C-alpha atoms as a PDB file:
ATOM      1  CA  MET A   1      13.227 -10.753 -13.217  1.00  0.00           C
ATOM      2  CA  LYS A   2      12.294 -12.373 -16.497  1.00  0.00           C
ATOM      3  CA  VAL A   3       8.581 -12.588 -17.065  1.00  0.00           C
ATOM      4  CA  PHE A   4       7.295 -15.696 -18.815  1.00  0.00           C
ATOM      5  CA  ASP A   5       3.689 -15.778 -17.623  1.00  0.00           C
ATOM      6  CA  PRO A   6       2.719 -12.278 -16.390  1.00  0.00           C
ATOM      7  CA  GLN A   7      -0.305 -13.385 -14.340  1.00  0.00           C
ATOM      8  CA  GLU A   8       1.481 -16.272 -12.627  1.00  0.00           C
ATOM      9  CA  ASP A   9       4.725 -14.336 -12.115  1.00  0.00           C
ATOM     10  CA  LEU A  10       2.852 -11.377 -10.628  1.00  0.00           C
ATOM     11  CA  GLN A  11       0.974 -13.692  -8.245  1.00  0.00           C
ATOM     12  CA  LYS A  12       4.240 -15.338  -7.150  1.00  0.00           C
ATOM     13  CA  LEU A  13       5.836 -11.928  -6.586  1.00  0.00           C
ATOM     14  CA  CYS A  14       2.816 -10.750  -4.593  1.00  0.00           C
ATOM     15  CA  ASP A  15       2.852 -13.931  -2.489  1.00  0.00           C
ATOM     16  CA  GLN A  16       6.558 -13.504  -1.811  1.00  0.00           C
ATOM     17  CA  LEU A  17       6.277  -9.828  -0.841  1.00  0.00           C
ATOM     18  CA  VAL A  18       3.050  -9.753   1.166  1.00  0.00           C
ATOM     19  CA  GLY A  19       2.406 -13.378   2.008  1.00  0.00           C
ATOM     20  CA  GLY A  20      -0.447 -14.078  -0.393  1.00  0.00           C
ATOM     21  CA  ARG A  21      -3.646 -15.420   1.146  1.00  0.00           C
ATOM     22  CA  GLN A  22      -1.897 -16.697   4.252  1.00  0.00           C
ATOM     23  CA  LYS A  23      -2.489 -13.420   6.113  1.00  0.00           C
ATOM     24  CA  ASN A  24      -6.270 -13.821   5.728  1.00  0.00           C
ATOM     25  CA  GLU A  25      -6.054 -17.418   6.890  1.00  0.00           C
ATOM     26  CA  GLN A  26      -4.116 -16.348   9.996  1.00  0.00           C
ATOM     27  CA  LYS A  27      -6.743 -13.859  11.163  1.00  0.00           C
ATOM     28  CA  PRO A  28      -9.036 -16.473  12.780  1.00  0.00           C
ATOM     29  CA  ILE A  29      -6.022 -18.014  14.541  1.00  0.00           C
ATOM     30  CA  ARG A  30      -4.992 -14.613  15.947  1.00  0.00           C
ATOM     31  CA  GLU A  31      -8.567 -13.922  17.038  1.00  0.00           C
ATOM     32  CA  LYS A  32      -8.768 -17.275  18.845  1.00  0.00           C
ATOM     33  CA  ILE A  33      -5.450 -16.681  20.619  1.00  0.00           C
ATOM     34  CA  ASN A  34      -6.440 -13.134  21.616  1.00  0.00           C
ATOM     35  CA  HIS A  35      -9.794 -14.389  22.895  1.00  0.00           C
ATOM     36  CA  HIS A  36      -8.109 -17.140  24.903  1.00  0.00           C
ATOM     37  CA  PHE A  37      -5.594 -14.655  26.353  1.00  0.00           C
ATOM     38  CA  THR A  38      -8.425 -12.256  27.274  1.00  0.00           C
ATOM     39  CA  GLU A  39     -10.229 -15.093  29.066  1.00  0.00           C
ATOM     40  CA  LEU A  40      -7.065 -16.027  30.987  1.00  0.00           C
ATOM     41  CA  LEU A  41      -6.647 -12.412  32.099  1.00  0.00           C
ATOM     42  CA  ARG A  42     -10.279 -12.286  33.226  1.00  0.00           C
ATOM     43  CA  LYS A  43     -10.071 -15.584  35.147  1.00  0.00           C
ATOM     44  CA  ARG A  44      -6.929 -14.440  36.962  1.00  0.00           C
ATOM     45  CA  GLY A  45      -8.381 -11.011  37.788  1.00  0.00           C
ATOM     46  CA  LEU A  46      -5.865  -9.122  35.663  1.00  0.00           C
ATOM     47  CA  SER A  47      -8.213  -7.600  33.069  1.00  0.00           C
ATOM     48  CA  LYS A  48      -8.203  -4.153  34.684  1.00  0.00           C
ATOM     49  CA  LEU A  49      -4.386  -3.995  34.539  1.00  0.00           C
ATOM     50  CA  VAL A  50      -4.221  -4.568  30.793  1.00  0.00           C
ATOM     51  CA  LYS A  51      -5.146  -1.907  28.247  1.00  0.00           C
ATOM     52  CA  ARG A  52      -6.738  -3.029  24.983  1.00  0.00           C
ATOM     53  CA  ASN A  53      -6.136  -1.891  21.391  1.00  0.00           C
ATOM     54  CA  VAL A  54      -3.354   0.576  22.115  1.00  0.00           C
ATOM     55  CA  GLN A  55      -2.200   2.604  19.116  1.00  0.00           C
ATOM     56  CA  VAL A  56       1.527   3.334  18.893  1.00  0.00           C
ATOM     57  CA  GLU A  57       3.521   5.222  16.268  1.00  0.00           C
ATOM     58  CA  LEU A  58       6.266   3.038  14.773  1.00  0.00           C
ATOM     59  CA  PRO A  59       9.096   5.486  14.076  1.00  0.00           C
ATOM     60  CA  PHE A  60      11.021   3.428  11.515  1.00  0.00           C
ATOM     61  CA  PHE A  61       7.979   2.529   9.411  1.00  0.00           C
ATOM     62  CA  HIS A  62       6.247   5.917   9.838  1.00  0.00           C
ATOM     63  CA  LYS A  63       2.920   4.286  10.613  1.00  0.00           C
ATOM     64  CA  THR A  64       0.631   3.630  13.542  1.00  0.00           C
ATOM     65  CA  GLU A  65       0.202   0.061  14.759  1.00  0.00           C
ATOM     66  CA  THR A  66      -2.570  -1.185  17.038  1.00  0.00           C
ATOM     67  CA  TYR A  67      -1.466  -3.618  19.731  1.00  0.00           C
ATOM     68  CA  PRO A  68      -4.257  -5.756  21.209  1.00  0.00           C
ATOM     69  CA  PHE A  69      -2.773  -5.727  24.731  1.00  0.00           C
ATOM     70  CA  SER A  70      -0.579  -3.393  26.774  1.00  0.00           C
ATOM     71  CA  TYR A  71       0.443  -3.278  30.412  1.00  0.00           C
ATOM     72  CA  GLN A  72       2.900  -1.287  32.489  1.00  0.00           C
ATOM     73  CA  ASN A  73       5.365  -2.592  35.068  1.00  0.00           C
ATOM     74  CA  GLY A  74       7.936   0.176  35.157  1.00  0.00           C
ATOM     75  CA  GLN A  75       7.898   0.509  31.394  1.00  0.00           C
ATOM     76  CA  PRO A  76       5.260  -0.018  28.704  1.00  0.00           C
ATOM     77  CA  ASN A  77       4.889  -3.592  27.449  1.00  0.00           C
ATOM     78  CA  LEU A  78       3.052  -4.252  24.212  1.00  0.00           C
ATOM     79  CA  ILE A  79       1.657  -7.656  23.289  1.00  0.00           C
ATOM     80  CA  LYS A  80       0.702  -8.591  19.756  1.00  0.00           C
ATOM     81  CA  THR A  81      -0.230 -12.021  18.462  1.00  0.00           C
ATOM     82  CA  VAL A  82       1.980 -13.117  15.592  1.00  0.00           C
ATOM     83  CA  VAL A  83       1.339 -16.252  13.571  1.00  0.00           C
ATOM     84  CA  PHE A  84       4.164 -17.661  11.480  1.00  0.00           C
ATOM     85  CA  GLY A  85       3.478 -19.800   8.445  1.00  0.00           C
ATOM     86  CA  SER A  86       5.629 -22.659   7.254  1.00  0.00           C
ATOM     87  CA  ASP A  87       7.480 -20.687   4.563  1.00  0.00           C
ATOM     88  CA  GLU A  88      11.028 -20.115   5.855  1.00  0.00           C
ATOM     89  CA  TYR A  89      11.569 -16.920   3.839  1.00  0.00           C
ATOM     90  CA  GLN A  90       8.344 -15.386   5.200  1.00  0.00           C
ATOM     91  CA  MET A  91       9.275 -16.407   8.761  1.00  0.00           C
ATOM     92  CA  ILE A  92      12.660 -14.717   8.489  1.00  0.00           C
ATOM     93  CA  THR A  93      11.164 -11.611   6.878  1.00  0.00           C
ATOM     94  CA  ARG A  94       8.449 -11.375   9.545  1.00  0.00           C
ATOM     95  CA  THR A  95      10.932 -11.920  12.379  1.00  0.00           C
ATOM     96  CA  CYS A  96      13.257  -9.224  11.033  1.00  0.00           C
ATOM     97  CA  ARG A  97      10.381  -6.765  10.683  1.00  0.00           C
ATOM     98  CA  LEU A  98       9.269  -7.438  14.270  1.00  0.00           C
ATOM     99  CA  ALA A  99      12.848  -6.924  15.500  1.00  0.00           C
ATOM    100  CA  VAL A 100      13.051  -3.566  13.716  1.00  0.00           C
ATOM    101  CA  GLU A 101       9.663  -2.556  15.174  1.00  0.00           C
ATOM    102  CA  GLY A 102      10.834  -3.543  18.662  1.00  0.00           C
ATOM    103  CA  ASN A 103      14.101  -1.636  18.368  1.00  0.00           C
ATOM    104  CA  GLY A 104      12.256   1.439  17.111  1.00  0.00           C
ATOM    105  CA  LEU A 105       9.828   1.270  20.017  1.00  0.00           C
ATOM    106  CA  LEU A 106      12.674   0.820  22.505  1.00  0.00           C
ATOM    107  CA  GLU A 107      14.443   3.896  21.120  1.00  0.00           C
ATOM    108  CA  LYS A 108      11.184   5.840  21.278  1.00  0.00           C
ATOM    109  CA  ILE A 109      10.584   5.133  24.978  1.00  0.00           C
ATOM    110  CA  THR A 110      14.213   5.576  26.067  1.00  0.00           C
ATOM    111  CA  ASN A 111      14.655   8.982  24.359  1.00  0.00           C
END
Protein backbone atom coordinates (compact mmCIF):
# COMPACT_ATOMS: atom_id res chain seq x y z
CA MET A 1 0.00 0.00 0.00
CA LYS A 2 1.37 3.38 -0.96
CA VAL A 3 0.81 6.03 1.66
CA PHE A 4 0.04 9.53 0.42
CA ASP A 5 -1.78 10.99 3.42
CA PRO A 6 -0.91 8.91 6.52
CA GLN A 7 -3.87 10.08 8.64
CA GLU A 8 -6.46 9.59 5.91
CA ASP A 9 -4.96 6.32 4.67
CA LEU A 10 -4.82 4.92 8.20
CA GLN A 11 -8.47 5.88 8.79
CA LYS A 12 -9.51 4.20 5.52
CA LEU A 13 -7.57 1.06 6.45
CA CYS A 14 -9.13 1.01 9.91
CA ASP A 15 -12.62 1.48 8.44
CA GLN A 16 -12.02 -1.34 5.98
CA LEU A 17 -10.68 -3.76 8.60
CA VAL A 18 -12.96 -3.09 11.58
CA GLY A 19 -15.89 -1.23 10.09
CA GLY A 20 -15.11 2.26 11.36
CA ARG A 21 -17.84 3.97 13.36
CA GLN A 22 -20.59 1.79 11.92
CA LYS A 23 -20.25 -0.76 14.74
CA ASN A 24 -21.07 1.92 17.34
CA GLU A 25 -24.03 3.07 15.28
CA GLN A 26 -25.36 -0.50 15.09
CA LYS A 27 -25.42 -1.01 18.86
CA PRO A 28 -28.75 0.81 19.42
CA ILE A 29 -30.30 -1.17 16.56
CA ARG A 30 -29.15 -4.47 18.09
CA GLU A 31 -30.44 -3.39 21.51
CA LYS A 32 -33.85 -2.51 20.05
CA ILE A 33 -34.10 -5.84 18.23
CA ASN A 34 -33.02 -7.80 21.32
CA HIS A 35 -35.54 -5.89 23.44
CA HIS A 36 -38.31 -6.57 20.94
CA PHE A 37 -37.38 -10.28 20.79
CA THR A 38 -37.36 -10.47 24.61
CA GLU A 39 -40.83 -8.91 24.70
CA LEU A 40 -42.12 -11.41 22.11
CA LEU A 41 -40.77 -14.30 24.19
CA ARG A 42 -42.42 -12.89 27.31
CA LYS A 43 -45.80 -12.35 25.60
CA ARG A 44 -45.79 -15.91 24.25
CA GLY A 45 -44.76 -17.42 27.60
CA LEU A 46 -41.41 -18.67 26.32
CA SER A 47 -39.06 -16.58 28.48
CA LYS A 48 -38.29 -19.43 30.88
CA LEU A 49 -37.19 -21.69 27.99
CA VAL A 50 -34.58 -19.24 26.71
CA LYS A 51 -31.26 -18.64 28.46
CA ARG A 52 -29.77 -15.15 28.31
CA ASN A 53 -26.18 -14.00 27.75
CA VAL A 54 -24.64 -17.42 27.23
CA GLN A 55 -20.85 -17.42 26.90
CA VAL A 56 -19.37 -19.89 24.41
CA GLU A 57 -15.76 -20.54 23.42
CA LEU A 58 -15.23 -20.07 19.67
CA PRO A 59 -12.59 -22.67 18.80
CA PHE A 60 -11.36 -21.15 15.53
CA PHE A 61 -10.97 -17.62 16.89
CA HIS A 62 -9.73 -18.71 20.34
CA LYS A 63 -12.07 -16.31 22.10
CA THR A 64 -15.26 -16.34 24.11
CA GLU A 65 -18.40 -14.86 22.58
CA THR A 66 -21.55 -13.90 24.47
CA TYR A 67 -24.80 -14.82 22.75
CA PRO A 68 -27.86 -12.88 23.95
CA PHE A 69 -30.22 -15.86 23.59
CA SER A 70 -29.92 -19.65 23.73
CA TYR A 71 -32.43 -22.47 23.79
CA GLN A 72 -32.29 -26.24 23.53
CA ASN A 73 -34.47 -28.52 21.41
CA GLY A 74 -32.31 -31.60 21.10
CA GLN A 75 -29.21 -29.52 20.51
CA PRO A 76 -28.06 -26.08 21.65
CA ASN A 77 -29.27 -23.16 19.53
CA LEU A 78 -27.58 -19.79 19.85
CA ILE A 79 -29.19 -16.56 18.70
CA LYS A 80 -27.23 -13.39 18.11
CA THR A 81 -28.46 -10.19 16.51
CA VAL A 82 -26.36 -9.19 13.52
CA VAL A 83 -26.78 -5.90 11.71
CA PHE A 84 -25.32 -5.55 8.23
CA GLY A 85 -24.39 -2.17 6.83
CA SER A 86 -24.64 -1.16 3.20
CA ASP A 87 -20.96 -1.74 2.37
CA GLU A 88 -20.79 -4.91 0.25
CA TYR A 89 -17.22 -5.78 1.30
CA GLN A 90 -18.14 -5.53 5.00
CA MET A 91 -21.28 -7.63 4.44
CA ILE A 92 -19.27 -10.39 2.78
CA THR A 93 -16.56 -10.25 5.44
CA ARG A 94 -19.13 -10.36 8.25
CA THR A 95 -21.06 -13.21 6.62
CA CYS A 96 -17.88 -15.26 6.15
CA ARG A 97 -16.85 -14.70 9.76
CA LEU A 98 -20.28 -15.81 10.99
CA ALA A 99 -20.09 -18.93 8.80
CA VAL A 100 -16.69 -19.83 10.26
CA GLU A 101 -18.03 -19.25 13.80
CA GLY A 102 -21.03 -21.47 13.06
CA ASN A 103 -18.91 -24.27 11.61
CA GLY A 104 -16.57 -24.12 14.60
CA LEU A 105 -19.49 -24.32 17.00
CA LEU A 106 -21.01 -27.23 15.08
CA GLU A 107 -17.72 -29.13 15.25
CA LYS A 108 -17.47 -28.37 18.96
CA ILE A 109 -20.89 -29.83 19.80
CA THR A 110 -20.62 -32.86 17.50
CA ASN A 111 -17.19 -33.97 18.82
